[in-house]
Amino acid sequence: MTLGDSIGAALFSKGWGNGAPSLMENRGWSYASGGGPNVSSLVNFFKVFSPSVRGESNGNNIIRPCYGPLCLDPELTYKKDFGYNLALSGALVTNLAAEVEVLTDIVRTDPDVNLQNDWKFLTVLIGANDQCLSCANLLPTRKYEEEIRKTIETLRKNFPRTIVHFSTIFKVSGLYQYNRDREYCRKLRGFGGIVECPCAFAGGDTRIGGYMRSLMDKAADAWNGKLHRIAKDYSGKYEDFAVVVDPGSGGIPVDKFGQDYISSIDCFHPSSKAHAIFARASWNNLFLPAEQKARAFELDESMMLYCPTEEDRIQVH
């Protein structure tokens, strides 16, 4: 199961193909729930050990943009190919509640799911769009924590036997340097691409621009810190529910990404190659206790995938 924004929906991850851009959500390539053949994703890795795992997302679909209060009801935009991936492109933290509501209805009415007895795994990655507005302080840390705690409690009440896996959010401000160093990306921002992340791009190389990006970084650090605090609060509290935080995604050095790791369409979203690395690194971190998890994913396409034994368990402490 997947909640979040356009990263979870793998928006633009396939980039340009056959001379034309794939202006689609490529959910079949999502690092969390992509069910495409030979796709590196958490759900596909789980299927190796448990072929009966359900909920993968497949195929491509036209973007259904969401932006806070201007978000369409997820129920109206849902397609069967989404599986249990309810991530919405453009979603803010405040949109998680609506995603959870629709996910609950979908899973509850699936005749092949025993809601009470089947174990469930849910990945959440949210906060990139909130960062892009954070220089205006539209989401104070207190409000962020409130929304995350509310989401977790709703999940706990509706999804027994569930591990909620939070991917920490990377510092989106690094994409400014990535765009600045590439002519195509600079032109894209000049043609209105600034609106994709105003706090990162609007100020340019000015002192104000640097200050705006520093506010983004502070927000990311504060929100990731809250995720760790919340997970600690849930540690050992329930026998059938746990919250796990992966610090590795939050430490990704986005400004050092090569062009293969960022979508060639908008110079902003992770490419399918980046999704594959996210999936492999996230999987490896799952089986390590909190203090041993990688603090920053390595951009290594040859990364070995950990093969768990019968004694291994997802580490929830």
Protein backbone atom coordinates (compact mmCIF):
# COMPACT_ATOMS: atom_id res chain seq x y z
CA MET A 1 0.00 0.00 0.00
CA THR A 2 1.22 3.51 -0.79
CA LEU A 3 0.26 7.02 0.29
CA GLY A 4 1.85 10.31 -0.67
CA ASP A 5 2.42 12.58 -3.64
CA SER A 6 3.73 12.44 -7.21
CA ILE A 7 6.88 10.60 -6.14
CA GLY A 8 4.80 7.68 -4.92
CA ALA A 9 2.81 7.89 -8.16
CA ALA A 10 6.09 7.87 -10.16
CA LEU A 11 5.06 10.95 -12.15
CA PHE A 12 7.21 11.51 -15.28
CA SER A 13 9.58 8.73 -14.18
CA LYS A 14 9.84 7.25 -17.69
CA GLY A 15 10.93 10.58 -19.18
CA TRP A 16 11.15 11.07 -22.92
CA GLY A 17 10.47 8.07 -25.11
CA ASN A 18 10.41 7.71 -28.89
CA GLY A 19 10.89 11.45 -29.25
CA ALA A 20 7.86 12.35 -27.13
CA PRO A 21 7.56 12.88 -23.38
CA SER A 22 5.57 10.46 -21.24
CA LEU A 23 3.39 13.04 -19.51
CA MET A 24 1.96 10.40 -17.26
CA GLU A 25 2.04 8.94 -13.80
CA ASN A 26 4.03 5.76 -14.33
CA ARG A 27 2.70 3.94 -11.27
CA GLY A 28 3.98 0.61 -12.52
CA TRP A 29 7.50 1.97 -11.88
CA SER A 30 6.91 3.36 -8.38
CA TYR A 31 9.68 2.44 -5.94
CA ALA A 32 7.08 1.49 -3.35
CA SER A 33 4.32 -0.32 -5.22
CA GLY A 34 5.31 -0.62 -8.88
CA GLY A 35 4.21 -3.97 -10.22
CA GLY A 36 5.73 -3.71 -13.69
CA PRO A 37 7.75 -6.69 -14.96
CA ASN A 38 11.41 -6.56 -13.90
CA VAL A 39 10.75 -3.36 -11.96
CA SER A 40 12.72 -2.89 -8.75
CA SER A 41 10.08 -2.03 -6.17
CA LEU A 42 9.28 -2.97 -2.61
CA VAL A 43 6.12 -4.83 -3.61
CA ASN A 44 7.96 -6.86 -6.25
CA PHE A 45 10.65 -7.76 -3.72
CA PHE A 46 7.99 -8.92 -1.26
CA LYS A 47 6.44 -11.04 -4.00
CA VAL A 48 9.66 -13.02 -4.39
CA PHE A 49 9.16 -14.35 -0.87
CA SER A 50 5.36 -14.25 -0.79
CA PRO A 51 3.80 -14.52 -4.27
CA SER A 52 0.31 -13.94 -2.86
CA VAL A 53 1.11 -10.32 -1.97
CA ARG A 54 -1.51 -7.96 -3.42
CA GLY A 55 -1.87 -4.25 -4.06
CA GLU A 56 0.79 -3.47 -6.69
CA SER A 57 0.17 -0.59 -9.09
CA ASN A 58 0.52 -1.04 -12.83
CA GLY A 59 0.67 0.85 -16.10
CA ASN A 60 0.51 4.56 -16.82
CA ASN A 61 -2.26 7.06 -16.35
CA ILE A 62 -2.91 10.70 -17.11
CA ILE A 63 -1.94 12.97 -14.24
CA ARG A 64 -4.79 14.00 -11.99
CA PRO A 65 -3.31 17.00 -10.24
CA CYS A 66 -3.99 17.73 -6.61
CA TYR A 67 -2.94 20.74 -4.60
CA GLY A 68 -4.19 21.03 -1.05
CA PRO A 69 -7.77 22.33 -1.02
CA LEU A 70 -7.85 22.22 -4.84
CA CYS A 71 -7.56 18.44 -4.78
CA LEU A 72 -10.13 16.22 -6.44
CA ASP A 73 -11.64 13.48 -4.30
CA PRO A 74 -9.24 10.50 -4.63
CA GLU A 75 -12.26 8.26 -5.08
CA LEU A 76 -13.14 10.10 -8.31
CA THR A 77 -9.64 9.74 -9.76
CA TYR A 78 -8.97 6.15 -8.70
CA LYS A 79 -8.45 3.46 -11.34
CA LYS A 80 -8.22 -0.27 -10.80
CA ASP A 81 -4.64 -0.26 -12.14
CA PHE A 82 -3.62 1.85 -9.14
CA GLY A 83 -3.94 -1.20 -6.90
CA TYR A 84 -3.40 0.02 -3.35
CA ASN A 85 -1.36 3.04 -4.47
CA LEU A 86 -3.39 6.10 -3.48
CA ALA A 87 -0.57 8.64 -3.87
CA LEU A 88 -1.79 11.84 -5.52
CA SER A 89 0.41 14.05 -7.69
CA GLY A 90 0.60 17.45 -6.03
CA ALA A 91 -0.61 16.21 -2.65
CA LEU A 92 0.28 18.02 0.55
CA VAL A 93 0.43 16.51 4.02
CA THR A 94 -3.12 17.73 4.59
CA ASN A 95 -4.34 15.48 1.75
CA LEU A 96 -3.26 12.27 3.47
CA ALA A 97 -6.56 11.94 5.33
CA ALA A 98 -8.51 11.74 2.06
CA GLU A 99 -6.07 9.19 0.65
CA VAL A 100 -6.45 7.00 3.75
CA GLU A 101 -10.23 7.17 3.55
CA VAL A 102 -10.33 5.85 -0.02
CA LEU A 103 -7.60 3.26 0.62
CA THR A 104 -9.62 1.93 3.54
CA ASP A 105 -12.72 1.49 1.38
CA ILE A 106 -10.76 -0.25 -1.40
CA VAL A 107 -8.98 -2.74 0.85
CA ARG A 108 -12.03 -3.38 3.01
CA THR A 109 -14.13 -4.35 -0.02
CA ASP A 110 -11.46 -6.55 -1.62
CA PRO A 111 -12.80 -10.13 -1.28
CA ASP A 112 -9.27 -11.54 -1.41
CA VAL A 113 -8.13 -9.63 1.67
CA ASN A 114 -8.72 -10.71 5.25
CA LEU A 115 -8.50 -7.30 6.86
CA GLN A 116 -8.25 -8.61 10.40
CA ASN A 117 -5.71 -11.38 9.88
CA ASP A 118 -3.57 -10.52 6.84
CA TRP A 119 -0.37 -8.61 7.52
CA LYS A 120 -0.09 -5.33 5.61
CA PHE A 121 2.80 -3.05 4.66
CA LEU A 122 2.22 0.60 3.79
CA THR A 123 4.77 3.12 2.52
CA VAL A 124 4.29 6.87 2.96
CA LEU A 125 6.42 9.53 1.28
CA ILE A 126 5.05 13.05 1.62
CA GLY A 127 6.40 16.57 2.05
CA ALA A 128 8.05 17.54 -1.24
CA ASN A 129 5.22 19.86 -2.25
CA ASP A 130 4.97 21.21 1.29
CA GLN A 131 8.68 22.07 1.11
CA CYS A 132 8.04 23.99 -2.08
CA LEU A 133 5.71 26.26 -0.11
CA SER A 134 7.60 26.22 3.18
CA CYS A 135 9.32 29.57 2.65
CA ALA A 136 5.88 31.09 3.27
CA ASN A 137 5.53 29.03 6.48
CA LEU A 138 2.25 27.50 5.32
CA LEU A 139 2.92 24.30 7.27
CA PRO A 140 4.43 24.92 10.71
CA THR A 141 6.17 21.90 12.20
CA ARG A 142 3.42 21.60 14.81
CA LYS A 143 0.78 21.30 12.07
CA TYR A 144 2.88 18.77 10.15
CA GLU A 145 3.21 16.59 13.25
CA GLU A 146 -0.51 16.89 13.93
CA GLU A 147 -1.41 15.71 10.42
CA ILE A 148 1.03 12.78 10.52
CA ARG A 149 -0.18 11.61 13.93
CA LYS A 150 -3.78 11.88 12.80
CA THR A 151 -3.00 9.82 9.70
CA ILE A 152 -1.24 7.12 11.71
CA GLU A 153 -4.06 6.83 14.21
CA THR A 154 -6.63 6.51 11.43
CA LEU A 155 -4.51 3.77 9.87
CA ARG A 156 -4.14 1.98 13.20
CA LYS A 157 -7.89 1.94 13.78
CA ASN A 158 -8.68 0.70 10.26
CA PHE A 159 -5.72 -1.55 9.43
CA PRO A 160 -4.82 -4.09 12.11
CA ARG A 161 -1.62 -6.05 11.57
CA THR A 162 0.08 -3.24 9.68
CA ILE A 163 3.60 -1.86 9.41
CA VAL A 164 3.61 1.80 8.36
CA HIS A 165 6.89 2.61 6.61
CA PHE A 166 7.74 6.32 6.32
CA SER A 167 10.36 7.37 3.78
CA THR A 168 11.95 10.57 5.04
CA ILE A 169 11.77 13.45 2.59
CA PHE A 170 14.95 14.62 0.85
CA LYS A 171 15.91 18.29 0.59
CA VAL A 172 14.12 19.43 -2.55
CA SER A 173 16.14 22.66 -2.59
CA GLY A 174 19.02 20.69 -4.12
CA LEU A 175 17.10 20.59 -7.39
CA TYR A 176 17.87 24.29 -7.84
CA GLN A 177 21.55 23.53 -8.38
CA TYR A 178 20.67 20.57 -10.61
CA ASN A 179 18.53 22.84 -12.83
CA ARG A 180 21.03 25.69 -12.78
CA ASP A 181 23.77 23.46 -14.18
CA ARG A 182 21.73 22.29 -17.21
CA GLU A 183 20.68 24.50 -20.11
CA TYR A 184 17.47 22.61 -20.90
CA CYS A 185 16.37 22.82 -17.28
CA ARG A 186 17.17 26.54 -17.07
CA LYS A 187 15.04 27.18 -20.15
CA LEU A 188 12.24 25.10 -18.67
CA ARG A 189 12.21 27.23 -15.53
CA GLY A 190 12.20 30.34 -17.71
CA PHE A 191 9.04 29.14 -19.45
CA GLY A 192 7.03 28.96 -16.24
CA GLY A 193 8.64 25.96 -14.59
CA ILE A 194 9.22 28.06 -11.48
CA VAL A 195 5.66 27.32 -10.33
CA GLU A 196 6.55 23.65 -9.84
CA CYS A 197 8.50 24.66 -6.73
CA PRO A 198 8.45 28.43 -6.12
CA CYS A 199 10.51 28.35 -2.91
CA ALA A 200 13.34 26.58 -4.73
CA PHE A 201 13.37 28.47 -8.02
CA ALA A 202 11.71 31.88 -7.67
CA GLY A 203 14.61 33.66 -5.98
CA GLY A 204 17.30 32.43 -8.35
CA ASP A 205 20.89 33.22 -7.38
CA THR A 206 19.91 36.19 -5.24
CA ARG A 207 20.37 36.38 -1.49
CA ILE A 208 16.60 36.05 -1.15
CA GLY A 209 16.67 32.89 -3.24
CA GLY A 210 19.33 31.37 -1.01
CA TYR A 211 17.34 32.30 2.07
CA MET A 212 14.16 30.75 0.69
CA ARG A 213 16.00 27.50 -0.01
CA SER A 214 17.49 27.50 3.48
CA LEU A 215 13.95 27.66 4.88
CA MET A 216 13.08 24.62 2.78
CA ASP A 217 16.02 22.71 4.27
CA LYS A 218 15.05 23.67 7.80
CA ALA A 219 11.51 22.46 7.18
CA ALA A 220 12.73 19.12 5.81
CA ASP A 221 15.01 18.60 8.83
CA ALA A 222 12.24 19.51 11.27
CA TRP A 223 9.64 17.27 9.62
CA ASN A 224 12.00 14.30 9.36
CA GLY A 225 12.87 14.80 13.01
CA LYS A 226 9.19 14.60 13.90
CA LEU A 227 8.84 11.34 11.97
CA HIS A 228 11.60 9.79 14.09
CA ARG A 229 9.98 11.11 17.26
CA ILE A 230 6.59 9.70 16.29
CA ALA A 231 8.04 6.30 15.39
CA LYS A 232 9.75 6.17 18.77
CA ASP A 233 6.42 6.90 20.46
CA TYR A 234 4.88 3.87 18.72
CA SER A 235 7.85 1.56 19.34
CA GLY A 236 6.66 -1.53 21.22
CA LYS A 237 3.28 0.04 21.93
CA TYR A 238 1.16 -2.42 19.94
CA GLU A 239 1.60 -6.06 19.02
CA ASP A 240 -0.16 -5.70 15.67
CA PHE A 241 0.85 -2.21 14.52
CA ALA A 242 4.21 -0.49 14.07
CA VAL A 243 5.69 2.67 12.57
CA VAL A 244 9.11 2.49 10.89
CA VAL A 245 11.11 5.44 9.55
CA ASP A 246 13.73 5.10 6.83
CA PRO A 247 16.32 7.87 7.19
CA GLY A 248 18.11 7.00 3.95
CA SER A 249 15.81 8.79 1.53
CA GLY A 250 16.06 12.01 3.53
CA GLY A 251 19.84 12.02 3.17
CA ILE A 252 19.93 11.75 -0.61
CA PRO A 253 22.25 14.45 -2.05
CA VAL A 254 19.84 15.66 -4.72
CA ASP A 255 22.18 18.41 -5.92
CA LYS A 256 24.70 15.71 -6.88
CA PHE A 257 22.26 13.67 -8.96
CA GLY A 258 23.37 12.81 -12.46
CA GLN A 259 20.91 13.47 -15.28
CA ASP A 260 19.90 9.79 -15.38
CA TYR A 261 18.30 10.13 -11.95
CA ILE A 262 15.98 13.06 -12.64
CA SER A 263 13.10 13.05 -15.11
CA SER A 264 14.10 14.43 -18.50
CA ILE A 265 10.62 15.92 -18.79
CA ASP A 266 10.56 18.42 -15.95
CA CYS A 267 14.04 18.27 -14.35
CA PHE A 268 12.30 17.76 -11.03
CA HIS A 269 10.84 14.30 -10.43
CA PRO A 270 12.88 11.12 -9.83
CA SER A 271 13.45 8.99 -12.92
CA SER A 272 12.71 5.28 -13.15
CA LYS A 273 16.41 4.66 -12.46
CA ALA A 274 16.17 6.70 -9.25
CA HIS A 275 13.04 4.80 -8.24
CA ALA A 276 14.93 1.52 -8.65
CA ILE A 277 17.71 2.74 -6.35
CA PHE A 278 15.18 4.03 -3.80
CA ALA A 279 13.53 0.60 -3.81
CA ARG A 280 16.76 -1.35 -3.35
CA ALA A 281 18.11 0.91 -0.61
CA SER A 282 14.75 1.01 1.19
CA TRP A 283 14.52 -2.78 1.10
CA ASN A 284 18.01 -3.20 2.55
CA ASN A 285 17.23 -0.75 5.35
CA LEU A 286 14.06 -2.62 6.34
CA PHE A 287 16.04 -5.44 7.89
CA LEU A 288 18.36 -3.24 9.94
CA PRO A 289 17.58 -1.80 13.39
CA ALA A 290 17.08 1.96 13.53
CA GLU A 291 20.63 2.78 14.64
CA GLN A 292 22.17 0.74 11.80
CA LYS A 293 20.04 1.95 8.89
CA ALA A 294 21.86 3.85 6.14
CA ARG A 295 21.44 7.58 6.73
CA ALA A 296 21.75 8.42 3.03
CA PHE A 297 21.03 6.23 0.03
CA GLU A 298 24.01 5.65 -2.23
CA LEU A 299 23.45 6.29 -5.93
CA ASP A 300 24.81 2.91 -6.88
CA GLU A 301 23.07 0.96 -9.63
CA SER A 302 25.07 -2.14 -8.74
CA MET A 303 23.81 -2.08 -5.16
CA MET A 304 23.40 -5.62 -3.86
CA LEU A 305 19.91 -6.52 -2.71
CA TYR A 306 19.71 -8.14 0.70
CA CYS A 307 18.20 -11.62 0.63
CA PRO A 308 16.45 -12.18 3.97
CA THR A 309 16.54 -15.56 5.66
CA GLU A 310 13.68 -17.29 7.46
CA GLU A 311 14.97 -15.78 10.69
CA ASP A 312 14.92 -12.20 9.38
CA ARG A 313 12.13 -9.81 10.27
CA ILE A 314 11.35 -6.22 9.33
CA GLN A 315 12.95 -4.23 12.13
CA VAL A 316 10.40 -2.05 13.92
CA HIS A 317 12.64 -0.76 16.73
